[in-house]
Amino acid sequence: MAEQPPENHNQNQNNVKSYNQFNYVDQLTLECLMNKDQYSLHMKKPTTSKKINNSDRKFYKKRIYDLTKQLLNNQPTEKMFPDVVFSFESYIKACIDYFKVLDKSDILQQDYQDIPGEESFPAELNTDHISTPQDADQLMLRSIKIQEPNALEKLVKRTSTKLKKPMILPREKDINLKDPNLKNKGIRKKNNINNKYEDEKK
C-alpha cells in the first residue's frame, strides 16, 4: 500500500469528520421529522457492525497499547487510517469531558459533607385518643384561634414596618479543574511498580 502524503492525510481526516457529522444530522432528522412507525421499521434494519472478538482483543492488546501511546504523544504514522485518528480524538474528548464532570461533582459535594442526610421524625404518633375521622383531622391540621379585638383596639390603627432583608444572590463557585491533585486522581496503584505520584503524596 502506497504511503499517503501529509496533504492527502489531512484531507481524508477532514472528510471522515464531515461524514460523521452528516450522519449525526441525518439521525436527528429521522428522529424528529419521521413518522414513529416508519422510524421504528427503519431502526429494525440489520446493522453491519460487529462485536469485537475477545481473542482478537487479546491478540492485538500490546499493539493497541503501543498505538495509543503514539497517538497520545502526537506521533501518528503516515500509514495510519484517518478514521483511527478521528476515533481516538473522539475517545479522548469523551474521557476529558467525563473527568471534568466527575471532578466538578466531587468538589461541589465537599460543601455538603456536614449536612445530615435524613431528618429525624418521631417514629410513632400517639393515636390512642383517635376515635372519629374528625379527631384524625385535628391531629394532622393545626388549630388557629382568632381573637377578636376589643372596642379600643378597633379605634387605633396600627402600622407595622418590616425591615427588608438584604437579597442574597447566588454566587458561582470558582472550581479549579487544573489542580495538580486532580492529575493522578483515581489511578490504580500497581503492586509491582513504585509510582512516583504516590511517593509525592506521602
Protein backbone atom coordinates (compact mmCIF):
# COMPACT_ATOMS: atom_id res chain seq x y z
CA MET A 1 0.00 0.00 0.00
CA ALA A 2 1.45 3.38 -1.05
CA GLU A 3 2.10 5.97 1.63
CA GLN A 4 -0.19 8.97 1.61
CA PRO A 5 1.36 12.47 1.53
CA PRO A 6 0.53 14.73 4.52
CA GLU A 7 -1.92 16.82 2.47
CA ASN A 8 -4.00 13.78 1.50
CA HIS A 9 -3.83 12.53 5.07
CA ASN A 10 -5.33 15.78 6.44
CA GLN A 11 -7.90 15.85 3.64
CA ASN A 12 -9.03 12.29 4.42
CA GLN A 13 -9.29 13.14 8.10
CA ASN A 14 -11.48 16.17 7.34
CA ASN A 15 -13.65 14.02 5.05
CA VAL A 16 -14.19 11.50 7.85
CA LYS A 17 -15.18 14.28 10.28
CA SER A 18 -17.67 15.82 7.85
CA TYR A 19 -19.09 12.37 7.05
CA ASN A 20 -19.68 11.57 10.74
CA GLN A 21 -21.26 14.99 11.33
CA PHE A 22 -23.52 14.42 8.32
CA ASN A 23 -24.60 11.04 9.72
CA TYR A 24 -25.41 12.70 13.06
CA VAL A 25 -27.58 15.34 11.36
CA ASP A 26 -29.35 12.63 9.37
CA GLN A 27 -30.03 10.69 12.56
CA LEU A 28 -31.53 13.77 14.28
CA THR A 29 -33.66 14.49 11.21
CA LEU A 30 -35.05 10.96 11.22
CA GLU A 31 -35.83 11.08 14.95
CA CYS A 32 -37.60 14.45 14.83
CA LEU A 33 -39.36 14.51 11.47
CA MET A 34 -40.06 10.90 10.56
CA ASN A 35 -43.24 9.05 11.45
CA LYS A 36 -42.77 6.92 14.57
CA ASP A 37 -43.96 3.74 12.89
CA GLN A 38 -41.70 4.24 9.89
CA TYR A 39 -38.81 5.21 12.15
CA SER A 40 -39.20 2.02 14.19
CA LEU A 41 -39.17 -0.03 10.97
CA HIS A 42 -36.11 1.88 9.82
CA MET A 43 -34.31 1.17 13.10
CA LYS A 44 -35.11 -2.55 12.91
CA LYS A 45 -32.96 -2.95 9.81
CA PRO A 46 -29.97 -5.21 10.48
CA THR A 47 -26.75 -3.32 11.07
CA THR A 48 -23.39 -4.39 9.75
CA SER A 49 -21.49 -3.54 12.94
CA LYS A 50 -19.76 -6.49 14.52
CA LYS A 51 -18.81 -7.04 18.13
CA ILE A 52 -15.13 -7.17 19.00
CA ASN A 53 -13.91 -10.72 19.35
CA ASN A 54 -12.20 -11.40 22.70
CA SER A 55 -9.49 -13.47 21.05
CA ASP A 56 -8.68 -10.58 18.67
CA ARG A 57 -8.62 -8.20 21.61
CA LYS A 58 -6.06 -10.34 23.45
CA PHE A 59 -4.03 -10.90 20.27
CA TYR A 60 -3.71 -7.18 19.41
CA LYS A 61 -3.56 -5.94 23.02
CA LYS A 62 0.14 -4.91 23.01
CA ARG A 63 -0.12 -3.31 19.59
CA ILE A 64 -3.17 -1.33 20.71
CA TYR A 65 -1.24 -0.08 23.76
CA ASP A 66 1.69 0.94 21.55
CA LEU A 67 -0.58 2.70 19.05
CA THR A 68 -2.35 4.52 21.89
CA LYS A 69 0.99 5.78 23.23
CA GLN A 70 1.93 7.04 19.78
CA LEU A 71 -1.36 8.90 19.42
CA LEU A 72 -1.10 10.38 22.92
CA ASN A 73 2.40 11.67 22.10
CA ASN A 74 1.20 13.08 18.74
CA GLN A 75 3.28 10.64 16.73
CA PRO A 76 0.81 9.23 14.15
CA THR A 77 2.40 7.31 11.32
CA GLU A 78 1.70 8.21 7.72
CA LYS A 79 0.19 4.78 7.04
CA MET A 80 -2.43 5.25 9.74
CA PHE A 81 -6.03 5.39 8.56
CA PRO A 82 -7.76 8.74 9.23
CA ASP A 83 -10.73 7.05 10.91
CA VAL A 84 -8.35 5.67 13.58
CA VAL A 85 -7.13 9.17 14.40
CA PHE A 86 -10.66 10.58 14.40
CA SER A 87 -11.98 7.79 16.63
CA PHE A 88 -9.08 8.29 19.04
CA GLU A 89 -9.72 12.06 19.22
CA SER A 90 -13.40 11.41 19.92
CA TYR A 91 -12.45 8.95 22.65
CA ILE A 92 -10.00 11.42 24.23
CA LYS A 93 -12.63 14.20 24.16
CA ALA A 94 -15.21 11.93 25.80
CA CYS A 95 -12.69 10.96 28.52
CA ILE A 96 -11.78 14.60 29.23
CA ASP A 97 -15.45 15.62 29.49
CA TYR A 98 -16.11 12.66 31.81
CA PHE A 99 -13.18 13.53 34.10
CA LYS A 100 -14.20 17.20 34.26
CA VAL A 101 -17.77 16.35 35.25
CA LEU A 102 -16.52 13.81 37.81
CA ASP A 103 -14.06 16.27 39.40
CA LYS A 104 -16.60 19.09 39.42
CA SER A 105 -19.24 16.96 41.14
CA ASP A 106 -16.73 15.76 43.76
CA ILE A 107 -15.61 19.33 44.52
CA LEU A 108 -19.22 20.53 44.86
CA GLN A 109 -20.18 17.58 47.08
CA GLN A 110 -17.43 18.50 49.57
CA ASP A 111 -19.53 21.53 50.64
CA TYR A 112 -22.40 19.25 51.69
CA GLN A 113 -20.49 16.65 53.73
CA ASP A 114 -21.54 18.14 57.10
CA ILE A 115 -25.25 18.31 56.21
CA PRO A 116 -27.21 15.36 57.66
CA GLY A 117 -28.78 13.18 55.04
CA GLU A 118 -32.07 12.37 56.76
CA GLU A 119 -34.27 14.45 59.06
CA SER A 120 -35.35 12.95 62.34
CA PHE A 121 -39.10 12.43 62.69
CA PRO A 122 -40.98 10.76 65.54
CA ALA A 123 -41.24 7.07 64.88
CA GLU A 124 -44.83 6.73 66.02
CA LEU A 125 -47.75 9.08 66.63
CA ASN A 126 -49.97 8.79 69.67
CA THR A 127 -53.22 7.52 68.14
CA ASP A 128 -54.90 6.21 71.30
CA HIS A 129 -57.41 9.07 71.55
CA ILE A 130 -58.47 8.95 67.88
CA SER A 131 -61.95 7.51 67.51
CA THR A 132 -63.52 9.53 64.67
CA PRO A 133 -62.27 10.98 61.36
CA GLN A 134 -62.62 14.45 62.88
CA ASP A 135 -60.10 13.53 65.58
CA ALA A 136 -57.66 12.37 62.92
CA ASP A 137 -58.10 15.66 61.03
CA GLN A 138 -57.42 17.61 64.20
CA LEU A 139 -54.22 15.63 64.73
CA MET A 140 -53.00 16.34 61.19
CA LEU A 141 -54.09 20.00 60.97
CA ARG A 142 -53.10 22.75 63.34
CA SER A 143 -55.81 24.73 65.03
CA ILE A 144 -55.75 28.54 64.81
CA LYS A 145 -57.58 30.61 67.36
CA ILE A 146 -58.56 34.11 66.17
CA GLN A 147 -59.01 36.61 68.98
CA GLU A 148 -61.49 39.38 68.42
CA PRO A 149 -60.04 42.85 69.27
CA ASN A 150 -61.84 44.94 71.86
CA ALA A 151 -63.52 48.34 71.17
CA LEU A 152 -60.44 50.46 71.91
CA GLU A 153 -58.20 48.40 69.68
CA LYS A 154 -60.67 48.81 66.81
CA LEU A 155 -60.30 52.62 67.01
CA VAL A 156 -56.48 52.56 66.92
CA LYS A 157 -54.82 52.00 63.59
CA ARG A 158 -51.55 50.18 63.77
CA THR A 159 -48.94 50.32 61.09
CA SER A 160 -46.10 47.89 61.16
CA THR A 161 -42.93 48.38 59.19
CA LYS A 162 -40.97 45.34 58.28
CA LEU A 163 -37.29 45.59 57.68
CA LYS A 164 -36.40 44.34 54.28
CA LYS A 165 -33.85 41.61 54.42
CA PRO A 166 -30.97 42.03 52.01
CA MET A 167 -31.38 39.84 48.98
CA ILE A 168 -28.87 37.04 48.89
CA LEU A 169 -27.88 36.41 45.32
CA PRO A 170 -26.38 33.07 44.37
CA ARG A 171 -22.71 33.11 43.51
CA GLU A 172 -20.99 30.87 41.06
CA LYS A 173 -18.29 28.88 42.76
CA ASP A 174 -14.81 29.06 41.29
CA ILE A 175 -13.73 25.50 40.55
CA ASN A 176 -10.12 24.87 39.62
CA LEU A 177 -10.18 21.83 37.33
CA LYS A 178 -6.44 22.29 36.65
CA ASP A 179 -5.49 21.50 40.25
CA PRO A 180 -2.34 19.31 40.28
CA ASN A 181 -4.04 16.96 42.77
CA LEU A 182 -6.62 16.05 40.11
CA LYS A 183 -3.99 14.96 37.59
CA ASN A 184 -3.48 11.48 39.09
CA LYS A 185 -6.85 11.15 40.82
CA GLY A 186 -8.34 7.67 40.75
CA ILE A 187 -5.33 5.98 39.13
CA ARG A 188 -4.95 2.48 40.50
CA LYS A 189 -1.60 1.68 42.07
CA LYS A 190 0.22 -1.36 40.72
CA ASN A 191 1.77 -3.66 43.29
CA ASN A 192 4.91 -4.42 41.32
CA ILE A 193 5.71 -0.80 40.32
CA ASN A 194 6.58 2.13 42.57
CA ASN A 195 4.53 5.02 41.24
CA LYS A 196 6.12 8.46 41.58
CA TYR A 197 2.82 10.23 42.23
CA GLU A 198 2.17 8.01 45.26
CA ASP A 199 5.54 8.99 46.75
CA GLU A 200 4.83 12.69 46.19
CA LYS A 201 1.57 12.47 48.16
CA LYS A 202 3.42 10.93 51.14
